[in-house]
Amino acid sequence: MSRKTFAVILALLILSSFVGFSPLVQLTADEIYEHMLSRIDPLLLRQAEKKGLYDREEFPVLRDINPFFIRGDFNGDGEMDLAFWVKKKDSDLQGVTIIHSTLDTLYLFGAGRPRPPGGGNSVKVSVDAWHLLPPGYVGNHIYGNIPEIGVVEGRPFTFERETLEFLYLGKSAFVFYWAKGQYWEFWTAD
């Protein structure tokens, strides 16, 4: 028996002892499993969904990449923000959603939507791994030019805040970097 099947059966057994079980009977096993997983999602994600900022139906959380979410102070305001993987419903288009602690805007890159300036025309984000670069990190192998934020190809670049770096293992890497009120994308390894 798979872990998913066991979890669904266990949930049904537990829920069958409570009043209000009948609406769950109408759900599929996949829907029940997703509902259970949503209970362990980070608080900021659940708050964004409750506020109507994030639509879980259209862009379900993608948990295939470990970790499927990363916390960090991406915009440099001293508060924890959240980035997590999503997938456009009924497609293979993956993307990354970023929510700042202020819960004022949702930034969705890929999953059928454009990537940040500097990132080209792709409408998906698909990588092998991702992690957080600390503030003060110096990228010595920068590719691309974004004069608006001081990115010059071949010159070291010092990251002023925590930054998401996406990796193609053994190949290349790029970042989503917050500067001047928006996210930018540029390559950090090739």
N, C-alpha and C. Protein backbone atom coordinates (compact mmCIF):
# COMPACT_ATOMS: atom_id res chain seq x y z
N MET A 1 0.85 -1.16 0.00
CA MET A 1 0.00 0.00 0.00
C MET A 1 0.90 1.24 0.00
N SER A 2 0.62 2.19 -0.89
CA SER A 2 1.44 3.40 -0.97
C SER A 2 1.17 4.30 0.23
N ARG A 3 2.11 5.20 0.47
CA ARG A 3 1.98 6.15 1.57
C ARG A 3 0.75 7.04 1.35
N LYS A 4 0.52 7.44 0.09
CA LYS A 4 -0.62 8.29 -0.22
C LYS A 4 -1.93 7.56 0.06
N THR A 5 -2.05 6.30 -0.36
CA THR A 5 -3.26 5.52 -0.13
C THR A 5 -3.50 5.34 1.36
N PHE A 6 -2.45 5.02 2.10
CA PHE A 6 -2.57 4.86 3.54
C PHE A 6 -3.05 6.15 4.20
N ALA A 7 -2.49 7.29 3.78
CA ALA A 7 -2.87 8.58 4.37
C ALA A 7 -4.33 8.89 4.10
N VAL A 8 -4.81 8.60 2.91
CA VAL A 8 -6.21 8.87 2.57
C VAL A 8 -7.13 7.97 3.39
N ILE A 9 -6.81 6.69 3.50
CA ILE A 9 -7.64 5.77 4.28
C ILE A 9 -7.66 6.20 5.74
N LEU A 10 -6.51 6.55 6.28
CA LEU A 10 -6.44 7.01 7.67
C LEU A 10 -7.27 8.27 7.87
N ALA A 11 -7.18 9.20 6.93
CA ALA A 11 -7.97 10.44 7.04
C ALA A 11 -9.46 10.14 7.01
N LEU A 12 -9.88 9.23 6.15
CA LEU A 12 -11.30 8.88 6.08
C LEU A 12 -11.77 8.23 7.37
N LEU A 13 -10.95 7.38 7.94
CA LEU A 13 -11.32 6.74 9.21
C LEU A 13 -11.45 7.76 10.33
N ILE A 14 -10.51 8.67 10.39
CA ILE A 14 -10.56 9.70 11.43
C ILE A 14 -11.75 10.62 11.22
N LEU A 15 -11.94 11.05 9.99
CA LEU A 15 -13.02 11.99 9.70
C LEU A 15 -14.40 11.36 9.84
N SER A 16 -14.49 10.05 9.68
CA SER A 16 -15.80 9.39 9.77
C SER A 16 -16.38 9.48 11.17
N SER A 17 -15.55 9.77 12.16
CA SER A 17 -16.03 9.87 13.53
C SER A 17 -16.54 11.27 13.86
N PHE A 18 -16.39 12.22 12.94
CA PHE A 18 -16.81 13.60 13.19
C PHE A 18 -18.07 13.94 12.41
N VAL A 19 -18.86 14.84 12.97
CA VAL A 19 -20.01 15.39 12.24
C VAL A 19 -19.43 16.27 11.13
N GLY A 20 -20.08 16.35 10.00
CA GLY A 20 -19.58 17.14 8.89
C GLY A 20 -18.70 16.34 7.96
N PHE A 21 -18.70 15.06 8.10
CA PHE A 21 -17.89 14.19 7.25
C PHE A 21 -18.46 14.11 5.84
N SER A 22 -19.76 14.24 5.68
CA SER A 22 -20.41 14.00 4.39
C SER A 22 -19.84 14.81 3.23
N PRO A 23 -19.44 16.09 3.38
CA PRO A 23 -18.87 16.79 2.22
C PRO A 23 -17.58 16.15 1.72
N LEU A 24 -16.80 15.56 2.61
CA LEU A 24 -15.55 14.94 2.19
C LEU A 24 -15.76 13.67 1.38
N VAL A 25 -16.91 13.03 1.56
CA VAL A 25 -17.19 11.80 0.82
C VAL A 25 -17.24 12.09 -0.68
N GLN A 26 -17.60 13.32 -1.04
CA GLN A 26 -17.72 13.68 -2.45
C GLN A 26 -16.37 13.98 -3.10
N LEU A 27 -15.31 14.05 -2.31
CA LEU A 27 -13.99 14.35 -2.84
C LEU A 27 -13.30 13.08 -3.32
N THR A 28 -12.41 13.24 -4.30
CA THR A 28 -11.61 12.11 -4.75
C THR A 28 -10.47 11.88 -3.77
N ALA A 29 -9.81 10.76 -3.89
CA ALA A 29 -8.68 10.45 -3.02
C ALA A 29 -7.57 11.50 -3.19
N ASP A 30 -7.32 11.94 -4.43
CA ASP A 30 -6.30 12.96 -4.68
C ASP A 30 -6.67 14.28 -4.01
N GLU A 31 -7.95 14.64 -4.05
CA GLU A 31 -8.39 15.89 -3.42
C GLU A 31 -8.26 15.82 -1.90
N ILE A 32 -8.59 14.68 -1.33
CA ILE A 32 -8.45 14.50 0.12
C ILE A 32 -6.98 14.58 0.51
N TYR A 33 -6.12 13.93 -0.27
CA TYR A 33 -4.68 13.94 0.00
C TYR A 33 -4.13 15.36 -0.08
N GLU A 34 -4.51 16.11 -1.11
CA GLU A 34 -4.05 17.49 -1.26
C GLU A 34 -4.55 18.35 -0.10
N HIS A 35 -5.79 18.13 0.32
CA HIS A 35 -6.35 18.88 1.45
C HIS A 35 -5.52 18.61 2.71
N MET A 36 -5.15 17.36 2.91
CA MET A 36 -4.32 17.01 4.07
C MET A 36 -2.96 17.69 3.99
N LEU A 37 -2.34 17.66 2.81
CA LEU A 37 -1.02 18.28 2.66
C LEU A 37 -1.09 19.79 2.85
N SER A 38 -2.19 20.41 2.44
CA SER A 38 -2.31 21.86 2.55
C SER A 38 -2.26 22.32 4.01
N ARG A 39 -2.59 21.43 4.93
CA ARG A 39 -2.56 21.77 6.35
C ARG A 39 -1.14 21.95 6.88
N ILE A 40 -0.15 21.42 6.16
CA ILE A 40 1.24 21.58 6.61
C ILE A 40 1.97 22.67 5.82
N ASP A 41 1.27 23.35 4.91
CA ASP A 41 1.89 24.43 4.16
C ASP A 41 2.28 25.57 5.10
N PRO A 42 3.31 26.34 4.75
CA PRO A 42 3.73 27.46 5.59
C PRO A 42 2.58 28.45 5.82
N LEU A 43 2.60 29.09 6.96
CA LEU A 43 1.54 30.01 7.35
C LEU A 43 1.34 31.13 6.33
N LEU A 44 2.42 31.71 5.83
CA LEU A 44 2.30 32.81 4.87
C LEU A 44 1.56 32.38 3.61
N LEU A 45 1.78 31.15 3.16
CA LEU A 45 1.06 30.61 2.00
C LEU A 45 -0.43 30.52 2.31
N ARG A 46 -0.78 29.98 3.47
CA ARG A 46 -2.19 29.85 3.85
C ARG A 46 -2.85 31.22 4.03
N GLN A 47 -2.10 32.18 4.56
CA GLN A 47 -2.64 33.53 4.71
C GLN A 47 -2.90 34.17 3.35
N ALA A 48 -1.99 33.98 2.40
CA ALA A 48 -2.17 34.52 1.05
C ALA A 48 -3.38 33.89 0.37
N GLU A 49 -3.58 32.61 0.60
CA GLU A 49 -4.75 31.93 0.03
C GLU A 49 -6.04 32.47 0.65
N LYS A 50 -6.05 32.62 1.95
CA LYS A 50 -7.23 33.13 2.66
C LYS A 50 -7.57 34.54 2.20
N LYS A 51 -6.55 35.35 1.95
CA LYS A 51 -6.74 36.73 1.51
C LYS A 51 -7.18 36.82 0.04
N GLY A 52 -7.07 35.70 -0.71
CA GLY A 52 -7.42 35.70 -2.12
C GLY A 52 -6.27 36.07 -3.03
N LEU A 53 -5.09 36.18 -2.47
CA LEU A 53 -3.90 36.54 -3.23
C LEU A 53 -3.37 35.35 -4.03
N TYR A 54 -3.48 34.16 -3.45
CA TYR A 54 -2.99 32.93 -4.08
C TYR A 54 -4.17 32.01 -4.37
N ASP A 55 -4.22 31.48 -5.61
CA ASP A 55 -5.29 30.58 -6.04
C ASP A 55 -4.74 29.16 -6.16
N ARG A 56 -4.97 28.36 -5.13
CA ARG A 56 -4.47 26.99 -5.09
C ARG A 56 -5.10 26.12 -6.19
N GLU A 57 -6.32 26.44 -6.60
CA GLU A 57 -6.99 25.65 -7.64
C GLU A 57 -6.29 25.82 -8.99
N GLU A 58 -5.96 27.05 -9.34
CA GLU A 58 -5.32 27.31 -10.63
C GLU A 58 -3.84 26.94 -10.64
N PHE A 59 -3.18 27.18 -9.51
CA PHE A 59 -1.74 26.92 -9.39
C PHE A 59 -1.47 26.10 -8.14
N PRO A 60 -1.72 24.78 -8.19
CA PRO A 60 -1.49 23.94 -7.00
C PRO A 60 -0.01 23.93 -6.60
N VAL A 61 0.21 23.76 -5.31
CA VAL A 61 1.57 23.65 -4.79
C VAL A 61 2.22 22.41 -5.39
N LEU A 62 3.45 22.56 -5.87
CA LEU A 62 4.21 21.45 -6.44
C LEU A 62 5.22 21.00 -5.39
N ARG A 63 5.07 19.80 -4.92
CA ARG A 63 5.93 19.29 -3.84
C ARG A 63 6.98 18.30 -4.35
N ASP A 64 7.24 18.27 -5.66
CA ASP A 64 8.20 17.33 -6.23
C ASP A 64 9.65 17.74 -5.99
N ILE A 65 9.89 19.02 -5.77
CA ILE A 65 11.24 19.50 -5.51
C ILE A 65 11.38 19.66 -4.00
N ASN A 66 12.50 19.16 -3.47
CA ASN A 66 12.71 19.22 -2.04
C ASN A 66 13.87 20.18 -1.76
N PRO A 67 13.67 21.26 -1.04
CA PRO A 67 12.43 21.65 -0.38
C PRO A 67 11.47 22.30 -1.39
N PHE A 68 10.18 22.19 -1.13
CA PHE A 68 9.22 22.80 -2.06
C PHE A 68 8.96 24.26 -1.71
N PHE A 69 9.46 24.72 -0.56
CA PHE A 69 9.38 26.15 -0.24
C PHE A 69 10.67 26.57 0.46
N ILE A 70 10.96 27.87 0.34
CA ILE A 70 12.11 28.47 1.01
C ILE A 70 11.66 29.80 1.62
N ARG A 71 12.07 30.01 2.87
CA ARG A 71 11.81 31.29 3.53
C ARG A 71 13.08 32.13 3.49
N GLY A 72 12.90 33.44 3.34
CA GLY A 72 14.03 34.35 3.36
C GLY A 72 13.54 35.78 3.28
N ASP A 73 14.40 36.71 3.57
CA ASP A 73 14.05 38.13 3.46
C ASP A 73 14.44 38.61 2.07
N PHE A 74 13.63 38.28 1.09
CA PHE A 74 13.97 38.54 -0.31
C PHE A 74 13.97 40.04 -0.66
N ASN A 75 13.07 40.81 -0.04
CA ASN A 75 12.98 42.23 -0.39
C ASN A 75 13.72 43.15 0.58
N GLY A 76 14.41 42.59 1.56
CA GLY A 76 15.27 43.36 2.45
C GLY A 76 14.55 44.22 3.48
N ASP A 77 13.30 43.87 3.83
CA ASP A 77 12.57 44.67 4.81
C ASP A 77 12.70 44.14 6.24
N GLY A 78 13.50 43.09 6.43
CA GLY A 78 13.71 42.54 7.76
C GLY A 78 12.70 41.49 8.17
N GLU A 79 11.74 41.16 7.30
CA GLU A 79 10.71 40.17 7.60
C GLU A 79 10.87 38.96 6.67
N MET A 80 10.40 37.80 7.13
CA MET A 80 10.50 36.58 6.34
C MET A 80 9.45 36.56 5.22
N ASP A 81 9.92 36.34 4.01
CA ASP A 81 9.07 36.16 2.84
C ASP A 81 9.07 34.68 2.51
N LEU A 82 8.29 34.30 1.50
CA LEU A 82 8.15 32.89 1.17
C LEU A 82 8.19 32.69 -0.34
N ALA A 83 8.93 31.69 -0.78
CA ALA A 83 8.93 31.26 -2.18
C ALA A 83 8.57 29.79 -2.19
N PHE A 84 7.70 29.39 -3.13
CA PHE A 84 7.32 27.99 -3.22
C PHE A 84 7.01 27.62 -4.67
N TRP A 85 7.12 26.33 -4.94
CA TRP A 85 6.90 25.81 -6.29
C TRP A 85 5.41 25.60 -6.54
N VAL A 86 4.99 25.92 -7.76
CA VAL A 86 3.61 25.67 -8.19
C VAL A 86 3.64 25.03 -9.58
N LYS A 87 2.49 24.55 -9.97
CA LYS A 87 2.32 23.97 -11.30
C LYS A 87 0.99 24.48 -11.84
N LYS A 88 0.98 24.95 -13.07
CA LYS A 88 -0.28 25.39 -13.67
C LYS A 88 -1.19 24.19 -13.82
N LYS A 89 -2.41 24.33 -13.35
CA LYS A 89 -3.36 23.22 -13.37
C LYS A 89 -3.51 22.67 -14.78
N ASP A 90 -3.58 21.38 -14.89
CA ASP A 90 -3.77 20.67 -16.16
C ASP A 90 -2.66 20.94 -17.17
N SER A 91 -1.44 21.15 -16.70
CA SER A 91 -0.30 21.32 -17.61
C SER A 91 0.96 20.85 -16.91
N ASP A 92 2.07 20.89 -17.63
CA ASP A 92 3.37 20.55 -17.05
C ASP A 92 4.20 21.80 -16.76
N LEU A 93 3.58 22.97 -16.83
CA LEU A 93 4.32 24.21 -16.65
C LEU A 93 4.54 24.49 -15.17
N GLN A 94 5.81 24.44 -14.77
CA GLN A 94 6.18 24.69 -13.38
C GLN A 94 6.58 26.15 -13.20
N GLY A 95 6.45 26.62 -11.98
CA GLY A 95 6.86 27.98 -11.69
C GLY A 95 7.14 28.18 -10.22
N VAL A 96 7.57 29.38 -9.89
CA VAL A 96 7.87 29.75 -8.52
C VAL A 96 7.01 30.95 -8.15
N THR A 97 6.38 30.84 -6.99
CA THR A 97 5.57 31.94 -6.46
C THR A 97 6.31 32.53 -5.27
N ILE A 98 6.35 33.85 -5.22
CA ILE A 98 6.99 34.55 -4.11
C ILE A 98 5.94 35.46 -3.46
N ILE A 99 5.85 35.35 -2.14
CA ILE A 99 4.94 36.18 -1.37
C ILE A 99 5.76 36.91 -0.31
N HIS A 100 5.67 38.23 -0.30
CA HIS A 100 6.35 39.00 0.73
C HIS A 100 5.51 39.00 2.00
N SER A 101 6.15 39.25 3.12
CA SER A 101 5.48 39.22 4.43
C SER A 101 4.32 40.20 4.51
N THR A 102 4.34 41.22 3.70
CA THR A 102 3.28 42.24 3.71
C THR A 102 1.98 41.75 3.10
N LEU A 103 2.03 40.62 2.40
CA LEU A 103 0.85 40.04 1.74
C LEU A 103 0.15 41.04 0.83
N ASP A 104 0.93 41.87 0.12
CA ASP A 104 0.31 42.86 -0.76
C ASP A 104 0.33 42.44 -2.23
N THR A 105 1.29 41.64 -2.63
CA THR A 105 1.42 41.23 -4.03
C THR A 105 1.94 39.80 -4.10
N LEU A 106 1.46 39.08 -5.09
CA LEU A 106 1.96 37.73 -5.36
C LEU A 106 2.80 37.81 -6.63
N TYR A 107 4.01 37.31 -6.58
CA TYR A 107 4.89 37.28 -7.74
C TYR A 107 4.95 35.84 -8.23
N LEU A 108 4.45 35.61 -9.44
CA LEU A 108 4.43 34.26 -10.02
C LEU A 108 5.25 34.27 -11.29
N PHE A 109 6.32 33.49 -11.29
CA PHE A 109 7.22 33.40 -12.44
C PHE A 109 7.19 31.98 -12.97
N GLY A 110 6.97 31.84 -14.27
CA GLY A 110 6.81 30.52 -14.87
C GLY A 110 5.38 30.07 -14.71
N ALA A 111 5.13 28.76 -14.84
CA ALA A 111 3.78 28.20 -14.76
C ALA A 111 2.85 28.92 -15.74
N GLY A 112 3.38 29.22 -16.93
CA GLY A 112 2.60 29.88 -17.97
C GLY A 112 2.71 31.39 -17.97
N ARG A 113 3.40 31.94 -17.00
CA ARG A 113 3.56 33.39 -16.90
C ARG A 113 5.02 33.77 -17.17
N PRO A 114 5.26 35.03 -17.57
CA PRO A 114 6.63 35.45 -17.87
C PRO A 114 7.55 35.40 -16.65
N ARG A 115 8.83 35.22 -16.93
CA ARG A 115 9.85 35.26 -15.88
C ARG A 115 10.28 36.71 -15.68
N PRO A 116 11.07 37.00 -14.64
CA PRO A 116 11.49 38.38 -14.38
C PRO A 116 12.32 38.96 -15.53
N PRO A 117 12.41 40.29 -15.60
CA PRO A 117 13.26 40.91 -16.62
C PRO A 117 14.68 40.35 -16.55
N GLY A 118 15.24 40.09 -17.74
CA GLY A 118 16.57 39.50 -17.83
C GLY A 118 16.52 38.00 -18.05
N GLY A 119 15.34 37.40 -17.86
CA GLY A 119 15.21 35.95 -17.92
C GLY A 119 14.80 35.36 -19.25
N GLY A 120 14.62 36.17 -20.25
CA GLY A 120 14.22 35.63 -21.54
C GLY A 120 12.72 35.43 -21.65
N ASN A 121 12.32 34.61 -22.62
CA ASN A 121 10.91 34.47 -22.96
C ASN A 121 10.25 33.22 -22.42
N SER A 122 10.93 32.43 -21.63
CA SER A 122 10.36 31.18 -21.14
C SER A 122 9.20 31.45 -20.18
N VAL A 123 8.20 30.56 -20.22
CA VAL A 123 7.04 30.68 -19.33
C VAL A 123 7.01 29.54 -18.32
N LYS A 124 8.17 28.92 -18.09
CA LYS A 124 8.25 27.91 -17.04
C LYS A 124 9.60 28.00 -16.35
N VAL A 125 9.64 27.50 -15.14
CA VAL A 125 10.89 27.40 -14.38
C VAL A 125 11.04 25.93 -14.03
N SER A 126 12.08 25.32 -14.53
CA SER A 126 12.31 23.90 -14.29
C SER A 126 13.80 23.71 -14.05
N VAL A 127 14.17 23.34 -12.82
CA VAL A 127 15.57 23.21 -12.45
C VAL A 127 15.79 21.94 -11.64
N ASP A 128 17.04 21.66 -11.32
CA ASP A 128 17.38 20.49 -10.51
C ASP A 128 17.31 20.79 -9.01
N ALA A 129 17.66 22.01 -8.63
CA ALA A 129 17.71 22.36 -7.20
C ALA A 129 17.61 23.87 -7.05
N TRP A 130 17.37 24.29 -5.82
CA TRP A 130 17.38 25.71 -5.50
C TRP A 130 17.80 25.89 -4.06
N HIS A 131 18.29 27.10 -3.75
CA HIS A 131 18.71 27.39 -2.38
C HIS A 131 18.75 28.90 -2.20
N LEU A 132 19.11 29.32 -1.00
CA LEU A 132 19.14 30.73 -0.64
C LEU A 132 20.58 31.22 -0.56
N LEU A 133 20.87 32.31 -1.27
CA LEU A 133 22.17 32.97 -1.13
C LEU A 133 22.06 34.02 -0.02
N PRO A 134 23.06 34.13 0.85
CA PRO A 134 22.99 35.10 1.94
C PRO A 134 23.31 36.52 1.46
N PRO A 135 22.86 37.53 2.21
CA PRO A 135 23.27 38.89 1.87
C PRO A 135 24.79 39.01 2.01
N GLY A 136 25.39 39.78 1.10
CA GLY A 136 26.84 39.92 1.11
C GLY A 136 27.56 38.90 0.24
N TYR A 137 26.83 37.91 -0.26
CA TYR A 137 27.44 36.91 -1.14
C TYR A 137 27.94 37.60 -2.41
N VAL A 138 29.14 37.23 -2.84
CA VAL A 138 29.71 37.81 -4.05
C VAL A 138 29.68 36.77 -5.16
N GLY A 139 28.93 37.07 -6.21
CA GLY A 139 28.90 36.22 -7.40
C GLY A 139 30.03 36.62 -8.31
N ASN A 140 30.95 35.70 -8.57
CA ASN A 140 32.13 36.01 -9.38
C ASN A 140 31.98 35.67 -10.86
N HIS A 141 30.93 34.97 -11.22
CA HIS A 141 30.77 34.52 -12.61
C HIS A 141 29.42 34.96 -13.14
N ILE A 142 29.21 36.26 -13.21
CA ILE A 142 27.94 36.83 -13.63
C ILE A 142 27.86 36.87 -15.15
N TYR A 143 26.70 36.48 -15.68
CA TYR A 143 26.46 36.51 -17.12
C TYR A 143 25.23 37.36 -17.38
N GLY A 144 25.35 38.29 -18.29
CA GLY A 144 24.25 39.19 -18.61
C GLY A 144 24.52 40.58 -18.08
N ASN A 145 23.81 41.54 -18.63
CA ASN A 145 23.95 42.93 -18.22
C ASN A 145 22.59 43.49 -17.86
N ILE A 146 22.47 44.00 -16.65
CA ILE A 146 21.26 44.70 -16.23
C ILE A 146 21.73 46.00 -15.58
N PRO A 147 21.97 47.02 -16.40
CA PRO A 147 22.54 48.26 -15.87
C PRO A 147 21.68 48.92 -14.79
N GLU A 148 20.38 48.71 -14.83
CA GLU A 148 19.48 49.32 -13.85
C GLU A 148 19.84 48.95 -12.41
N ILE A 149 20.42 47.76 -12.23
CA ILE A 149 20.75 47.30 -10.88
C ILE A 149 22.24 47.01 -10.69
N GLY A 150 23.06 47.40 -11.67
CA GLY A 150 24.50 47.25 -11.54
C GLY A 150 25.07 45.89 -11.91
N VAL A 151 24.30 45.08 -12.61
CA VAL A 151 24.80 43.77 -13.05
C VAL A 151 25.56 43.96 -14.36
N VAL A 152 26.84 43.61 -14.34
CA VAL A 152 27.69 43.72 -15.52
C VAL A 152 28.37 42.39 -15.74
N GLU A 153 28.20 41.85 -16.93
CA GLU A 153 28.78 40.54 -17.24
C GLU A 153 30.29 40.55 -17.01
N GLY A 154 30.76 39.49 -16.33
CA GLY A 154 32.19 39.33 -16.09
C GLY A 154 32.70 40.06 -14.86
N ARG A 155 31.87 40.88 -14.23
CA ARG A 155 32.29 41.59 -13.02
C ARG A 155 31.61 40.99 -11.80
N PRO A 156 32.32 40.90 -10.69
CA PRO A 156 31.69 40.39 -9.47
C PRO A 156 30.48 41.25 -9.07
N PHE A 157 29.48 40.59 -8.51
CA PHE A 157 28.27 41.28 -8.06
C PHE A 157 28.00 40.87 -6.61
N THR A 158 27.81 41.85 -5.74
CA THR A 158 27.52 41.58 -4.33
C THR A 158 26.02 41.68 -4.10
N PHE A 159 25.44 40.59 -3.60
CA PHE A 159 24.01 40.55 -3.33
C PHE A 159 23.72 41.28 -2.02
N GLU A 160 22.83 42.24 -2.06
CA GLU A 160 22.52 43.06 -0.88
C GLU A 160 21.53 42.38 0.06
N ARG A 161 20.81 41.40 -0.42
CA ARG A 161 19.78 40.73 0.41
C ARG A 161 19.75 39.25 0.07
N GLU A 162 19.00 38.49 0.86
CA GLU A 162 18.86 37.06 0.57
C GLU A 162 18.23 36.89 -0.81
N THR A 163 18.75 35.93 -1.56
CA THR A 163 18.38 35.78 -2.96
C THR A 163 18.19 34.31 -3.30
N LEU A 164 17.18 34.02 -4.10
CA LEU A 164 16.93 32.65 -4.56
C LEU A 164 17.84 32.33 -5.73
N GLU A 165 18.61 31.24 -5.60
CA GLU A 165 19.44 30.77 -6.71
C GLU A 165 18.91 29.41 -7.16
N PHE A 166 18.77 29.26 -8.47
CA PHE A 166 18.24 28.05 -9.10
C PHE A 166 19.38 27.37 -9.86
N LEU A 167 19.50 26.04 -9.69
CA LEU A 167 20.65 25.32 -10.22
C LEU A 167 20.27 24.22 -11.20
N TYR A 168 21.04 24.15 -12.27
CA TYR A 168 21.07 22.98 -13.14
C TYR A 168 22.36 22.29 -12.74
N LEU A 169 22.26 21.21 -11.99
CA LEU A 169 23.44 20.59 -11.39
C LEU A 169 24.50 20.25 -12.43
N GLY A 170 25.71 20.68 -12.17
CA GLY A 170 26.84 20.43 -13.06
C GLY A 170 26.83 21.31 -14.29
N LYS A 171 25.92 22.26 -14.36
CA LYS A 171 25.81 23.08 -15.57
C LYS A 171 25.83 24.56 -15.24
N SER A 172 24.66 25.12 -14.95
CA SER A 172 24.56 26.56 -14.78
C SER A 172 23.61 26.91 -13.64
N ALA A 173 23.51 28.20 -13.36
CA ALA A 173 22.64 28.67 -12.29
C ALA A 173 22.18 30.09 -12.59
N PHE A 174 21.02 30.45 -12.05
CA PHE A 174 20.51 31.80 -12.19
C PHE A 174 19.82 32.20 -10.90
N VAL A 175 19.56 33.50 -10.75
CA VAL A 175 18.91 34.01 -9.54
C VAL A 175 17.67 34.81 -9.89
N PHE A 176 16.76 34.90 -8.90
CA PHE A 176 15.69 35.89 -8.88
C PHE A 176 16.10 36.87 -7.78
N TYR A 177 16.41 38.09 -8.16
CA TYR A 177 16.97 39.08 -7.23
C TYR A 177 16.06 40.30 -7.15
N TRP A 178 15.71 40.72 -5.94
CA TRP A 178 14.85 41.88 -5.72
C TRP A 178 15.68 43.15 -5.69
N ALA A 179 15.34 44.10 -6.56
CA ALA A 179 16.00 45.41 -6.57
C ALA A 179 15.09 46.41 -7.25
N LYS A 180 15.08 47.62 -6.75
CA LYS A 180 14.29 48.71 -7.35
C LYS A 180 12.82 48.34 -7.50
N GLY A 181 12.27 47.66 -6.49
CA GLY A 181 10.84 47.39 -6.45
C GLY A 181 10.34 46.25 -7.32
N GLN A 182 11.25 45.42 -7.83
CA GLN A 182 10.82 44.28 -8.64
C GLN A 182 11.88 43.19 -8.62
N TYR A 183 11.51 42.02 -9.16
CA TYR A 183 12.47 40.92 -9.29
C TYR A 183 13.15 41.00 -10.64
N TRP A 184 14.41 40.62 -10.66
CA TRP A 184 15.24 40.55 -11.86
C TRP A 184 15.82 39.15 -11.93
N GLU A 185 16.15 38.71 -13.12
CA GLU A 185 16.77 37.39 -13.29
C GLU A 185 18.08 37.56 -14.04
N PHE A 186 19.13 36.91 -13.53
CA PHE A 186 20.38 36.86 -14.27
C PHE A 186 21.15 35.61 -13.89
N TRP A 187 22.08 35.24 -14.75
CA TRP A 187 22.85 34.00 -14.60
C TRP A 187 24.04 34.22 -13.68
N THR A 188 24.28 33.24 -12.81
CA THR A 188 25.40 33.31 -11.87
C THR A 188 26.45 32.24 -12.15
N ALA A 189 26.16 31.35 -13.05
CA ALA A 189 27.13 30.30 -13.43
C ALA A 189 26.74 29.77 -14.80
N ASP A 190 27.75 29.35 -15.56
CA ASP A 190 27.48 28.79 -16.88
C ASP A 190 28.46 27.67 -17.17
